[in-house]
Amino acid sequence: MKELKALLFDVDGTLADTEKDGHLAAFNRAFTDAGLDWNWSVELYGKLLAVTGGKERIKYYLDNFLPDEDRNFEQPNDLEGFIKDLHAVKTNYFVSLMAEGAVPLRTGVKRLINEARGEGMRMAIATTTTPANVEALLVNALDPDAMSWFEVIAAGNMVPAKKPAADIYFYAMDKLALSPEECIALEDSENGILSSRGANLKTIITVNDYTRDHDFTGASIVLDQMGEPDQPFTVIEGDAGDSVCLDMALVKRLHAS
């Protein structure tokens, strides 16, 4: 077994509950600005999360979930351009929400990242969200200099296929010049673990309200959160030994197991 050299972090749902508290609100504000009568509920958004990528999610909604009363919505001739512009407005709203501190990091995330930095562990981001969204979260919720803490920011449309395809992880590892045996992924969803396991990565899962019922076959461990020493995690699947929170000692044990 090769030594662990890098942590590869998903963003949405893993570092913060950005889906419900950030992206959903931003989508609905963008729809209002565009004069659309669409309003995505928490429940509907959970269904739309089956598709990764914001622009892809809008298209998925148009194809499968547009309410009957809105079926007379006349799709523009340039549907791709319409979706791109709508998504750009949504991204601006998301960035604004992050700047307002609307979405904090999940429990234990900052502690683990700081511990990894203290040990000189290399870190990268591997996500389907846009680079602008990544920066907005990291800079406002973690640290003003946090973007420099991650050696690679693999995000958005940098690869041909988004999760559950493994492309984004292969891209990140290629930039790091590391093999899957030298890395471990941190994810929160079924699409996420399909992507990471497709890249032959051991994977740590921390579930959230949208993903707790997902299939995490192949995960090294499934937790309800990363936890803190005084706010222990709950182990859903796997063996955490005597650990009460996800620290570097546990990460290394999981990587070596």
Protein backbone atom coordinates (compact mmCIF):
# COMPACT_ATOMS: atom_id res chain seq x y z
CA MET A 1 0.00 0.00 0.00
CA LYS A 2 1.37 3.39 -1.02
CA GLU A 3 1.52 6.27 1.45
CA LEU A 4 -1.42 8.70 1.50
CA LYS A 5 -0.33 11.94 -0.13
CA ALA A 6 -3.51 13.87 -0.99
CA LEU A 7 -7.11 14.46 0.05
CA LEU A 8 -9.56 15.06 -2.80
CA PHE A 9 -12.64 16.98 -1.68
CA ASP A 10 -16.05 17.20 -3.27
CA VAL A 11 -17.72 20.54 -2.49
CA ASP A 12 -21.52 20.70 -2.57
CA GLY A 13 -22.97 18.67 0.29
CA THR A 14 -19.53 17.56 1.49
CA LEU A 15 -17.88 20.79 2.63
CA ALA A 16 -21.16 22.63 3.21
CA ASP A 17 -24.90 22.13 2.79
CA THR A 18 -24.81 24.34 -0.26
CA GLU A 19 -27.51 22.52 -2.22
CA LYS A 20 -30.51 23.41 -0.08
CA ASP A 21 -29.26 26.62 1.51
CA GLY A 22 -27.34 28.05 -1.43
CA HIS A 23 -27.98 26.65 -4.89
CA LEU A 24 -31.74 26.13 -4.49
CA ALA A 25 -32.31 29.70 -3.31
CA ALA A 26 -30.08 31.04 -6.09
CA PHE A 27 -31.95 29.09 -8.77
CA ASN A 28 -35.32 30.41 -7.61
CA ARG A 29 -34.06 34.00 -7.53
CA ALA A 30 -32.72 33.63 -11.06
CA PHE A 31 -36.08 32.27 -12.24
CA THR A 32 -37.85 35.29 -10.76
CA ASP A 33 -35.44 37.68 -12.46
CA ALA A 34 -36.13 35.96 -15.78
CA GLY A 35 -39.88 36.37 -15.34
CA LEU A 36 -40.41 32.63 -15.00
CA ASP A 37 -43.12 31.17 -12.78
CA TRP A 38 -40.88 28.29 -11.75
CA ASN A 39 -40.27 27.72 -8.06
CA TRP A 40 -38.28 24.67 -7.09
CA SER A 41 -39.27 23.19 -3.74
CA VAL A 42 -36.87 21.40 -1.42
CA GLU A 43 -38.51 18.10 -2.39
CA LEU A 44 -38.34 18.76 -6.14
CA TYR A 45 -34.73 19.87 -5.89
CA GLY A 46 -33.90 16.57 -4.26
CA LYS A 47 -35.15 14.84 -7.40
CA LEU A 48 -33.25 17.22 -9.67
CA LEU A 49 -30.02 16.37 -7.84
CA ALA A 50 -30.07 13.07 -9.74
CA VAL A 51 -28.32 15.14 -12.43
CA THR A 52 -25.03 16.88 -11.72
CA GLY A 53 -24.28 20.35 -13.02
CA GLY A 54 -26.52 23.41 -12.81
CA LYS A 55 -27.12 23.87 -16.53
CA GLU A 56 -27.79 20.16 -16.89
CA ARG A 57 -30.24 20.39 -13.99
CA ILE A 58 -32.25 23.13 -15.70
CA LYS A 59 -32.46 21.06 -18.87
CA TYR A 60 -33.49 18.00 -16.84
CA TYR A 61 -36.28 20.06 -15.25
CA LEU A 62 -37.51 21.26 -18.62
CA ASP A 63 -37.56 17.74 -20.00
CA ASN A 64 -39.10 15.97 -17.02
CA PHE A 65 -40.62 18.20 -14.35
CA LEU A 66 -42.05 21.37 -15.86
CA PRO A 67 -45.54 21.62 -14.34
CA ASP A 68 -48.47 20.96 -16.63
CA GLU A 69 -49.70 24.55 -16.33
CA ASP A 70 -46.32 25.73 -17.65
CA ARG A 71 -46.22 23.34 -20.58
CA ASN A 72 -47.03 26.33 -22.78
CA PHE A 73 -43.59 27.71 -21.88
CA GLU A 74 -42.17 28.51 -25.28
CA GLN A 75 -38.62 27.29 -25.44
CA PRO A 76 -36.36 29.86 -27.11
CA ASN A 77 -34.70 29.03 -30.39
CA ASP A 78 -31.34 29.09 -28.66
CA LEU A 79 -32.21 26.88 -25.69
CA GLU A 80 -28.55 26.26 -24.85
CA GLY A 81 -27.88 30.01 -24.74
CA PHE A 82 -31.01 30.61 -22.65
CA ILE A 83 -29.93 28.01 -20.09
CA LYS A 84 -26.38 29.33 -20.05
CA ASP A 85 -27.56 32.88 -19.36
CA LEU A 86 -30.04 31.73 -16.71
CA HIS A 87 -27.35 29.72 -14.99
CA ALA A 88 -24.97 32.70 -15.03
CA VAL A 89 -27.53 34.78 -13.12
CA LYS A 90 -27.99 31.90 -10.69
CA THR A 91 -24.22 31.72 -10.13
CA ASN A 92 -24.12 35.44 -9.31
CA TYR A 93 -26.84 34.96 -6.71
CA PHE A 94 -24.99 31.97 -5.23
CA VAL A 95 -21.76 33.96 -4.94
CA SER A 96 -23.69 36.75 -3.21
CA LEU A 97 -25.22 34.30 -0.74
CA MET A 98 -21.76 32.94 0.09
CA ALA A 99 -20.44 36.49 0.61
CA GLU A 100 -23.28 37.07 3.07
CA GLY A 101 -22.21 34.00 5.05
CA ALA A 102 -25.49 32.25 4.29
CA VAL A 103 -23.93 28.77 4.21
CA PRO A 104 -21.37 27.74 6.85
CA LEU A 105 -19.04 24.77 6.50
CA ARG A 106 -20.31 21.45 7.82
CA THR A 107 -19.25 20.31 11.25
CA GLY A 108 -15.62 19.21 11.35
CA VAL A 109 -14.66 20.37 7.86
CA LYS A 110 -12.48 23.31 8.90
CA ARG A 111 -10.79 21.27 11.64
CA LEU A 112 -9.91 18.43 9.25
CA ILE A 113 -8.60 20.79 6.55
CA ASN A 114 -6.48 22.69 9.06
CA GLU A 115 -5.13 19.42 10.45
CA ALA A 116 -4.26 18.22 6.94
CA ARG A 117 -2.45 21.48 6.22
CA GLY A 118 -0.56 21.20 9.48
CA GLU A 119 0.72 17.79 8.41
CA GLY A 120 1.71 19.03 4.97
CA MET A 121 -0.93 16.86 3.29
CA ARG A 122 -1.65 17.88 -0.29
CA MET A 123 -5.27 18.78 -1.05
CA ALA A 124 -7.40 19.22 -4.17
CA ILE A 125 -10.99 19.97 -5.09
CA ALA A 126 -12.89 17.61 -7.43
CA THR A 127 -16.40 18.90 -8.09
CA THR A 128 -18.99 19.50 -10.78
CA THR A 129 -19.87 22.99 -9.55
CA THR A 130 -18.30 26.04 -11.20
CA PRO A 131 -14.92 27.46 -10.13
CA ALA A 132 -16.70 30.68 -9.12
CA ASN A 133 -18.93 28.75 -6.72
CA VAL A 134 -15.95 26.93 -5.24
CA GLU A 135 -14.10 30.18 -4.64
CA ALA A 136 -17.16 31.88 -3.15
CA LEU A 137 -17.57 29.10 -0.58
CA LEU A 138 -13.91 28.64 0.32
CA VAL A 139 -13.05 32.32 0.61
CA ASN A 140 -16.11 33.25 2.65
CA ALA A 141 -16.69 30.14 4.77
CA LEU A 142 -13.15 28.81 5.25
CA ASP A 143 -10.49 31.52 4.91
CA PRO A 144 -9.74 34.46 2.59
CA ASP A 145 -6.61 32.62 1.42
CA ALA A 146 -8.24 29.18 1.22
CA MET A 147 -8.02 28.87 -2.58
CA SER A 148 -4.24 28.68 -2.25
CA TRP A 149 -4.53 25.79 0.21
CA PHE A 150 -5.73 23.48 -2.57
CA GLU A 151 -3.09 22.55 -5.11
CA VAL A 152 -5.69 21.75 -7.78
CA ILE A 153 -9.20 23.12 -8.24
CA ALA A 154 -10.85 20.64 -10.59
CA ALA A 155 -14.32 22.06 -11.20
CA GLY A 156 -17.13 22.74 -13.62
CA ASN A 157 -16.60 22.03 -17.29
CA MET A 158 -12.89 21.21 -17.12
CA VAL A 159 -13.63 17.64 -18.22
CA PRO A 160 -15.92 16.16 -20.92
CA ALA A 161 -18.25 14.31 -18.53
CA LYS A 162 -19.42 15.32 -15.07
CA LYS A 163 -20.05 13.00 -12.12
CA PRO A 164 -20.99 10.13 -11.94
CA ALA A 165 -18.28 9.87 -14.61
CA ALA A 166 -14.80 9.60 -13.09
CA ASP A 167 -13.27 12.27 -15.35
CA ILE A 168 -12.94 15.01 -12.72
CA TYR A 169 -10.99 12.73 -10.36
CA PHE A 170 -8.66 11.53 -13.09
CA TYR A 171 -8.10 15.18 -14.04
CA ALA A 172 -7.25 16.16 -10.45
CA MET A 173 -4.87 13.23 -9.98
CA ASP A 174 -3.19 13.94 -13.29
CA LYS A 175 -2.54 17.54 -12.21
CA LEU A 176 -1.21 16.30 -8.85
CA ALA A 177 0.88 13.65 -10.63
CA LEU A 178 -0.43 11.07 -8.14
CA SER A 179 -2.00 7.62 -8.48
CA PRO A 180 -5.33 6.57 -6.97
CA GLU A 181 -3.39 4.54 -4.38
CA GLU A 182 -1.85 7.78 -3.08
CA CYS A 183 -5.16 9.64 -2.64
CA ILE A 184 -8.49 9.39 -0.85
CA ALA A 185 -11.77 11.07 -1.83
CA LEU A 186 -14.33 12.73 0.44
CA GLU A 187 -17.86 12.66 -0.96
CA ASP A 188 -21.51 12.88 0.08
CA SER A 189 -23.63 11.33 -2.68
CA GLU A 190 -24.19 8.28 -4.85
CA ASN A 191 -23.09 10.16 -7.96
CA GLY A 192 -20.02 11.22 -6.03
CA ILE A 193 -18.96 7.74 -5.01
CA LEU A 194 -19.68 6.37 -8.48
CA SER A 195 -17.24 8.99 -9.73
CA SER A 196 -14.55 8.44 -7.10
CA ARG A 197 -14.77 4.65 -7.16
CA GLY A 198 -14.74 4.80 -10.95
CA ALA A 199 -11.33 6.43 -10.53
CA ASN A 200 -10.30 3.59 -8.17
CA LEU A 201 -10.23 5.86 -5.13
CA LYS A 202 -10.96 4.86 -1.57
CA THR A 203 -13.81 7.09 -0.48
CA ILE A 204 -15.09 8.58 2.78
CA ILE A 205 -18.77 9.53 2.78
CA THR A 206 -20.50 12.11 4.96
CA VAL A 207 -24.22 12.09 4.19
CA ASN A 208 -26.68 14.97 4.29
CA ASP A 209 -30.46 15.33 4.18
CA TYR A 210 -30.54 14.80 0.42
CA THR A 211 -28.21 11.80 0.31
CA ARG A 212 -28.66 9.73 3.46
CA ASP A 213 -30.67 7.10 1.55
CA HIS A 214 -28.22 6.79 -1.34
CA ASP A 215 -26.31 3.63 -2.24
CA PHE A 216 -22.72 3.93 -0.99
CA THR A 217 -21.45 0.53 -2.02
CA GLY A 218 -17.66 0.53 -1.95
CA ALA A 219 -17.26 3.33 0.59
CA SER A 220 -14.48 2.98 3.15
CA ILE A 221 -16.86 4.43 5.75
CA VAL A 222 -20.20 6.27 5.80
CA LEU A 223 -20.67 8.96 8.47
CA ASP A 224 -23.40 11.44 9.28
CA GLN A 225 -20.77 14.20 9.52
CA MET A 226 -17.05 14.70 10.06
CA GLY A 227 -17.74 15.63 13.65
CA GLU A 228 -15.82 17.36 16.40
CA PRO A 229 -14.30 15.93 19.62
CA ASP A 230 -17.26 17.38 21.54
CA GLN A 231 -19.77 16.69 18.74
CA PRO A 232 -19.12 13.06 17.71
CA PHE A 233 -20.09 11.62 14.37
CA THR A 234 -22.42 8.65 13.96
CA VAL A 235 -21.05 5.74 11.96
CA ILE A 236 -23.67 4.55 9.47
CA GLU A 237 -21.49 1.93 7.77
CA GLY A 238 -17.92 0.88 8.41
CA ASP A 239 -15.51 0.84 11.33
CA ALA A 240 -14.16 4.01 12.93
CA GLY A 241 -12.49 2.20 15.81
CA ASP A 242 -12.28 4.47 18.85
CA SER A 243 -12.48 7.68 16.80
CA VAL A 244 -15.25 10.15 17.55
CA CYS A 245 -14.53 12.51 14.66
CA LEU A 246 -12.88 12.33 11.25
CA ASP A 247 -9.28 13.30 11.91
CA MET A 248 -6.13 12.59 9.93
CA ALA A 249 -5.36 9.52 12.00
CA LEU A 250 -8.69 7.95 10.99
CA VAL A 251 -8.31 9.09 7.37
CA LYS A 252 -4.94 7.35 7.19
CA ARG A 253 -6.31 4.19 8.77
CA LEU A 254 -9.14 4.10 6.26
CA HIS A 255 -6.72 4.65 3.40
CA ALA A 256 -4.48 1.83 4.64
CA SER A 257 -7.32 -0.63 5.27
